[in-house]
């Protein structure tokens, strides 16, 4: 005879723990601990975009 099983219980998880991937990544980017890293990456991206554009020609010396 198979063992008797009790009733199935569903445990609800609090709403604070049910965040999606994008939401948790956004919260991590806004975190004060990561502020310097986010600023550094943004400045690097802006520098690369500037050097790749036609505006970078102003850095070339005129002889």
PDB file of N, CA and C in Angstrom:
ATOM      1  N   UNK A   1       0.843  -1.162   0.000  1.00  0.00           N
ATOM      2  CA  UNK A   1       0.000   0.000   0.000  1.00  0.00           C
ATOM      3  C   UNK A   1       0.902   1.243   0.000  1.00  0.00           C
ATOM      4  N   UNK A   2       0.636   2.198  -0.921  1.00  0.00           N
ATOM      5  CA  UNK A   2       1.471   3.392  -0.985  1.00  0.00           C
ATOM      6  C   UNK A   2       1.279   4.272   0.256  1.00  0.00           C
ATOM      7  N   UNK A   3       2.328   5.029   0.531  1.00  0.00           N
ATOM      8  CA  UNK A   3       2.274   5.916   1.694  1.00  0.00           C
ATOM      9  C   UNK A   3       1.259   7.032   1.464  1.00  0.00           C
ATOM     10  N   UNK A   4       0.598   7.412   2.535  1.00  0.00           N
ATOM     11  CA  UNK A   4      -0.409   8.455   2.434  1.00  0.00           C
ATOM     12  C   UNK A   4       0.277   9.817   2.407  1.00  0.00           C
ATOM     13  N   UNK A   5      -0.134  10.663   1.495  1.00  0.00           N
ATOM     14  CA  UNK A   5       0.451  11.996   1.380  1.00  0.00           C
ATOM     15  C   UNK A   5      -0.492  13.009   2.018  1.00  0.00           C
ATOM     16  N   UNK A   6       0.127  14.014   2.623  1.00  0.00           N
ATOM     17  CA  UNK A   6      -0.662  15.075   3.239  1.00  0.00           C
ATOM     18  C   UNK A   6      -1.122  16.070   2.193  1.00  0.00           C
ATOM     19  N   UNK A   7      -1.845  17.070   2.614  1.00  0.00           N
ATOM     20  CA  UNK A   7      -2.323  18.083   1.666  1.00  0.00           C
ATOM     21  C   UNK A   7      -1.146  18.881   1.090  1.00  0.00           C
ATOM     22  N   UNK A   8      -1.317  19.315  -0.125  1.00  0.00           N
ATOM     23  CA  UNK A   8      -0.280  20.116  -0.789  1.00  0.00           C
ATOM     24  C   UNK A   8      -0.410  21.552  -0.303  1.00  0.00           C
ATOM     25  N   UNK A   9       0.709  22.102   0.150  1.00  0.00           N
ATOM     26  CA  UNK A   9       0.710  23.468   0.663  1.00  0.00           C
ATOM     27  C   UNK A   9       1.528  24.358  -0.256  1.00  0.00           C
ATOM     28  N   UNK A  10       0.955  25.483  -0.607  1.00  0.00           N
ATOM     29  CA  UNK A  10       1.650  26.450  -1.439  1.00  0.00           C
ATOM     30  C   UNK A  10       2.135  27.582  -0.546  1.00  0.00           C
ATOM     31  N   UNK A  11       3.421  27.845  -0.633  1.00  0.00           N
ATOM     32  CA  UNK A  11       4.001  28.921   0.157  1.00  0.00           C
ATOM     33  C   UNK A  11       4.197  30.110  -0.757  1.00  0.00           C
ATOM     34  N   UNK A  12       3.625  31.234  -0.380  1.00  0.00           N
ATOM     35  CA  UNK A  12       3.782  32.425  -1.212  1.00  0.00           C
ATOM     36  C   UNK A  12       5.069  33.144  -0.825  1.00  0.00           C
ATOM     37  N   UNK A  13       5.729  33.687  -1.842  1.00  0.00           N
ATOM     38  CA  UNK A  13       6.964  34.428  -1.639  1.00  0.00           C
ATOM     39  C   UNK A  13       6.603  35.902  -1.553  1.00  0.00           C
ATOM     40  N   UNK A  14       7.192  36.637  -0.614  1.00  0.00           N
ATOM     41  CA  UNK A  14       6.880  38.065  -0.527  1.00  0.00           C
ATOM     42  C   UNK A  14       7.185  38.790  -1.834  1.00  0.00           C
ATOM     43  N   UNK A  15       6.451  39.845  -2.105  1.00  0.00           N
ATOM     44  CA  UNK A  15       6.570  40.571  -3.370  1.00  0.00           C
ATOM     45  C   UNK A  15       7.950  41.184  -3.553  1.00  0.00           C
ATOM     46  N   UNK A  16       8.644  41.490  -2.472  1.00  0.00           N
ATOM     47  CA  UNK A  16       9.957  42.117  -2.583  1.00  0.00           C
ATOM     48  C   UNK A  16      10.972  41.167  -3.227  1.00  0.00           C
ATOM     49  N   UNK A  17      10.766  39.884  -3.115  1.00  0.00           N
ATOM     50  CA  UNK A  17      11.703  38.921  -3.674  1.00  0.00           C
ATOM     51  C   UNK A  17      11.372  38.547  -5.109  1.00  0.00           C
ATOM     52  N   UNK A  18      10.249  38.951  -5.625  1.00  0.00           N
ATOM     53  CA  UNK A  18       9.842  38.586  -6.972  1.00  0.00           C
ATOM     54  C   UNK A  18      10.155  39.707  -7.945  1.00  0.00           C
ATOM     55  N   UNK A  19      11.441  39.915  -8.221  1.00  0.00           N
ATOM     56  CA  UNK A  19      11.851  40.935  -9.181  1.00  0.00           C
ATOM     57  C   UNK A  19      12.408  40.249 -10.411  1.00  0.00           C
ATOM     58  N   UNK A  20      12.196  40.896 -11.534  1.00  0.00           N
ATOM     59  CA  UNK A  20      12.701  40.362 -12.782  1.00  0.00           C
ATOM     60  C   UNK A  20      14.168  40.697 -12.964  1.00  0.00           C
ATOM     61  N   UNK A  21      14.739  40.172 -14.034  1.00  0.00           N
ATOM     62  CA  UNK A  21      16.156  40.376 -14.316  1.00  0.00           C
ATOM     63  C   UNK A  21      16.463  41.843 -14.599  1.00  0.00           C
ATOM     64  N   UNK A  22      15.627  42.490 -15.382  1.00  0.00           N
ATOM     65  CA  UNK A  22      15.870  43.887 -15.743  1.00  0.00           C
ATOM     66  C   UNK A  22      15.722  44.781 -14.523  1.00  0.00           C
ATOM     67  N   UNK A  23      14.731  44.518 -13.712  1.00  0.00           N
ATOM     68  CA  UNK A  23      14.518  45.315 -12.509  1.00  0.00           C
ATOM     69  C   UNK A  23      15.681  45.183 -11.532  1.00  0.00           C
ATOM     70  N   UNK A  24      16.168  43.984 -11.341  1.00  0.00           N
ATOM     71  CA  UNK A  24      17.293  43.799 -10.411  1.00  0.00           C
ATOM     72  C   UNK A  24      18.576  44.401 -10.975  1.00  0.00           C
ATOM     73  N   UNK A  25      18.769  44.339 -12.286  1.00  0.00           N
ATOM     74  CA  UNK A  25      19.953  44.964 -12.888  1.00  0.00           C
ATOM     75  C   UNK A  25      19.878  46.481 -12.760  1.00  0.00           C
ATOM     76  N   UNK A  26      18.698  47.064 -12.941  1.00  0.00           N
ATOM     77  CA  UNK A  26      18.515  48.510 -12.804  1.00  0.00           C
ATOM     78  C   UNK A  26      18.790  48.948 -11.367  1.00  0.00           C
ATOM     79  N   UNK A  27      18.303  48.181 -10.410  1.00  0.00           N
ATOM     80  CA  UNK A  27      18.553  48.509  -9.005  1.00  0.00           C
ATOM     81  C   UNK A  27      20.038  48.412  -8.679  1.00  0.00           C
ATOM     82  N   UNK A  28      20.739  47.450  -9.277  1.00  0.00           N
ATOM     83  CA  UNK A  28      22.175  47.322  -9.039  1.00  0.00           C
ATOM     84  C   UNK A  28      22.940  48.498  -9.642  1.00  0.00           C
ATOM     85  N   UNK A  29      22.489  49.001 -10.795  1.00  0.00           N
ATOM     86  CA  UNK A  29      23.147  50.150 -11.406  1.00  0.00           C
ATOM     87  C   UNK A  29      22.916  51.428 -10.605  1.00  0.00           C
ATOM     88  N   UNK A  30      21.757  51.550  -9.984  1.00  0.00           N
ATOM     89  CA  UNK A  30      21.447  52.732  -9.189  1.00  0.00           C
ATOM     90  C   UNK A  30      22.065  52.694  -7.797  1.00  0.00           C
ATOM     91  N   UNK A  31      22.624  51.575  -7.419  1.00  0.00           N
ATOM     92  CA  UNK A  31      23.176  51.413  -6.082  1.00  0.00           C
ATOM     93  C   UNK A  31      24.348  52.371  -5.850  1.00  0.00           C
ATOM     94  N   UNK A  32      24.410  53.023  -4.691  1.00  0.00           N
ATOM     95  CA  UNK A  32      25.521  53.949  -4.417  1.00  0.00           C
ATOM     96  C   UNK A  32      26.902  53.281  -4.420  1.00  0.00           C
ATOM     97  N   UNK A  33      26.955  51.996  -4.120  1.00  0.00           N
ATOM     98  CA  UNK A  33      28.239  51.301  -4.119  1.00  0.00           C
ATOM     99  C   UNK A  33      28.819  51.172  -5.528  1.00  0.00           C
ATOM    100  N   UNK A  34      27.951  51.163  -6.542  1.00  0.00           N
ATOM    101  CA  UNK A  34      28.401  50.988  -7.920  1.00  0.00           C
ATOM    102  C   UNK A  34      28.478  52.291  -8.702  1.00  0.00           C
ATOM    103  N   UNK A  35      28.284  53.420  -8.052  1.00  0.00           N
ATOM    104  CA  UNK A  35      28.221  54.701  -8.750  1.00  0.00           C
ATOM    105  C   UNK A  35      29.523  55.009  -9.485  1.00  0.00           C
ATOM    106  N   UNK A  36      30.672  54.768  -8.873  1.00  0.00           N
ATOM    107  CA  UNK A  36      31.943  55.094  -9.526  1.00  0.00           C
ATOM    108  C   UNK A  36      32.190  54.200 -10.741  1.00  0.00           C
ATOM    109  N   UNK A  37      31.789  52.956 -10.670  1.00  0.00           N
ATOM    110  CA  UNK A  37      31.980  52.034 -11.789  1.00  0.00           C
ATOM    111  C   UNK A  37      31.084  52.437 -12.956  1.00  0.00           C
ATOM    112  N   UNK A  38      29.835  52.797 -12.659  1.00  0.00           N
ATOM    113  CA  UNK A  38      28.897  53.197 -13.708  1.00  0.00           C
ATOM    114  C   UNK A  38      29.386  54.477 -14.391  1.00  0.00           C
ATOM    115  N   UNK A  39      29.893  55.439 -13.606  1.00  0.00           N
ATOM    116  CA  UNK A  39      30.414  56.681 -14.186  1.00  0.00           C
ATOM    117  C   UNK A  39      31.639  56.408 -15.052  1.00  0.00           C
ATOM    118  N   UNK A  40      32.507  55.524 -14.598  1.00  0.00           N
ATOM    119  CA  UNK A  40      33.709  55.207 -15.373  1.00  0.00           C
ATOM    120  C   UNK A  40      33.362  54.568 -16.712  1.00  0.00           C
ATOM    121  N   UNK A  41      32.425  53.651 -16.703  1.00  0.00           N
ATOM    122  CA  UNK A  41      32.016  52.988 -17.942  1.00  0.00           C
ATOM    123  C   UNK A  41      31.351  53.990 -18.884  1.00  0.00           C
ATOM    124  N   UNK A  42      30.544  54.902 -18.334  1.00  0.00           N
ATOM    125  CA  UNK A  42      29.893  55.913 -19.173  1.00  0.00           C
ATOM    126  C   UNK A  42      30.918  56.857 -19.790  1.00  0.00           C
ATOM    127  N   UNK A  43      31.928  57.284 -19.026  1.00  0.00           N
ATOM    128  CA  UNK A  43      32.964  58.170 -19.554  1.00  0.00           C
ATOM    129  C   UNK A  43      33.803  57.464 -20.615  1.00  0.00           C
ATOM    130  N   UNK A  44      34.089  56.200 -20.406  1.00  0.00           N
ATOM    131  CA  UNK A  44      34.838  55.434 -21.398  1.00  0.00           C
ATOM    132  C   UNK A  44      34.048  55.328 -22.699  1.00  0.00           C
ATOM    133  N   UNK A  45      32.752  55.050 -22.590  1.00  0.00           N
ATOM    134  CA  UNK A  45      31.909  54.962 -23.784  1.00  0.00           C
ATOM    135  C   UNK A  45      31.830  56.285 -24.520  1.00  0.00           C
ATOM    136  N   UNK A  46      31.742  57.402 -23.774  1.00  0.00           N
ATOM    137  CA  UNK A  46      31.703  58.711 -24.413  1.00  0.00           C
ATOM    138  C   UNK A  46      33.023  59.015 -25.106  1.00  0.00           C
ATOM    139  N   UNK A  47      34.142  58.647 -24.497  1.00  0.00           N
ATOM    140  CA  UNK A  47      35.453  58.887 -25.111  1.00  0.00           C
ATOM    141  C   UNK A  47      35.617  58.069 -26.390  1.00  0.00           C
ATOM    142  N   UNK A  48      35.206  56.834 -26.369  1.00  0.00           N
ATOM    143  CA  UNK A  48      35.301  55.989 -27.564  1.00  0.00           C
ATOM    144  C   UNK A  48      34.412  56.539 -28.670  1.00  0.00           C
ATOM    145  N   UNK A  49      33.208  56.977 -28.313  1.00  0.00           N
ATOM    146  CA  UNK A  49      32.308  57.546 -29.317  1.00  0.00           C
ATOM    147  C   UNK A  49      32.896  58.826 -29.912  1.00  0.00           C
ATOM    148  N   UNK A  50      33.520  59.671 -29.084  1.00  0.00           N
ATOM    149  CA  UNK A  50      34.135  60.895 -29.577  1.00  0.00           C
ATOM    150  C   UNK A  50      35.304  60.589 -30.508  1.00  0.00           C
ATOM    151  N   UNK A  51      36.168  59.670 -30.098  1.00  0.00           N
ATOM    152  CA  UNK A  51      37.336  59.357 -30.917  1.00  0.00           C
ATOM    153  C   UNK A  51      36.957  58.666 -32.225  1.00  0.00           C
ATOM    154  N   UNK A  52      35.825  58.023 -32.254  1.00  0.00           N
ATOM    155  CA  UNK A  52      35.378  57.339 -33.464  1.00  0.00           C
ATOM    156  C   UNK A  52      34.656  58.297 -34.415  1.00  0.00           C
ATOM    157  N   UNK A  53      34.240  59.450 -33.911  1.00  0.00           N
ATOM    158  CA  UNK A  53      33.484  60.386 -34.736  1.00  0.00           C
ATOM    159  C   UNK A  53      34.415  61.303 -35.527  1.00  0.00           C
ATOM    160  N   UNK A  54      33.821  62.121 -36.362  1.00  0.00           N
ATOM    161  CA  UNK A  54      34.608  63.070 -37.143  1.00  0.00           C
ATOM    162  C   UNK A  54      35.134  64.212 -36.280  1.00  0.00           C
ATOM    163  N   UNK A  55      34.580  64.426 -35.109  1.00  0.00           N
ATOM    164  CA  UNK A  55      35.062  65.465 -34.200  1.00  0.00           C
ATOM    165  C   UNK A  55      36.475  65.169 -33.696  1.00  0.00           C
ATOM    166  N   UNK A  56      36.937  63.954 -33.787  1.00  0.00           N
ATOM    167  CA  UNK A  56      38.270  63.602 -33.318  1.00  0.00           C
ATOM    168  C   UNK A  56      39.358  64.249 -34.160  1.00  0.00           C
ATOM    169  N   UNK A  57      39.003  64.756 -35.332  1.00  0.00           N
ATOM    170  CA  UNK A  57      39.995  65.406 -36.205  1.00  0.00           C
ATOM    171  C   UNK A  57      40.536  66.690 -35.593  1.00  0.00           C
ATOM    172  N   UNK A  58      39.851  67.286 -34.656  1.00  0.00           N
ATOM    173  CA  UNK A  58      40.371  68.510 -34.031  1.00  0.00           C
ATOM    174  C   UNK A  58      41.583  68.212 -33.158  1.00  0.00           C
ATOM    175  N   UNK A  59      41.799  66.944 -32.837  1.00  0.00           N
ATOM    176  CA  UNK A  59      42.960  66.555 -32.038  1.00  0.00           C
ATOM    177  C   UNK A  59      44.219  66.388 -32.873  1.00  0.00           C
ATOM    178  N   UNK A  60      44.069  66.267 -34.190  1.00  0.00           N
ATOM    179  CA  UNK A  60      45.210  66.063 -35.092  1.00  0.00           C
ATOM    180  C   UNK A  60      45.915  67.401 -35.283  1.00  0.00           C
ATOM    181  N   UNK A  61      47.242  67.461 -35.040  1.00  0.00           N
ATOM    182  CA  UNK A  61      47.959  68.744 -35.213  1.00  0.00           C
ATOM    183  C   UNK A  61      48.028  69.153 -36.683  1.00  0.00           C
ATOM    184  N   UNK A  62      47.930  70.456 -36.918  1.00  0.00           N
ATOM    185  CA  UNK A  62      47.989  70.989 -38.290  1.00  0.00           C
ATOM    186  C   UNK A  62      49.423  71.429 -38.592  1.00  0.00           C
ATOM    187  N   UNK A  63      50.067  70.826 -39.568  1.00  0.00           N
ATOM    188  CA  UNK A  63      51.445  71.168 -39.949  1.00  0.00           C
ATOM    189  C   UNK A  63      51.475  71.895 -41.265  1.00  0.00           C
TER     190      UNK A  63
END
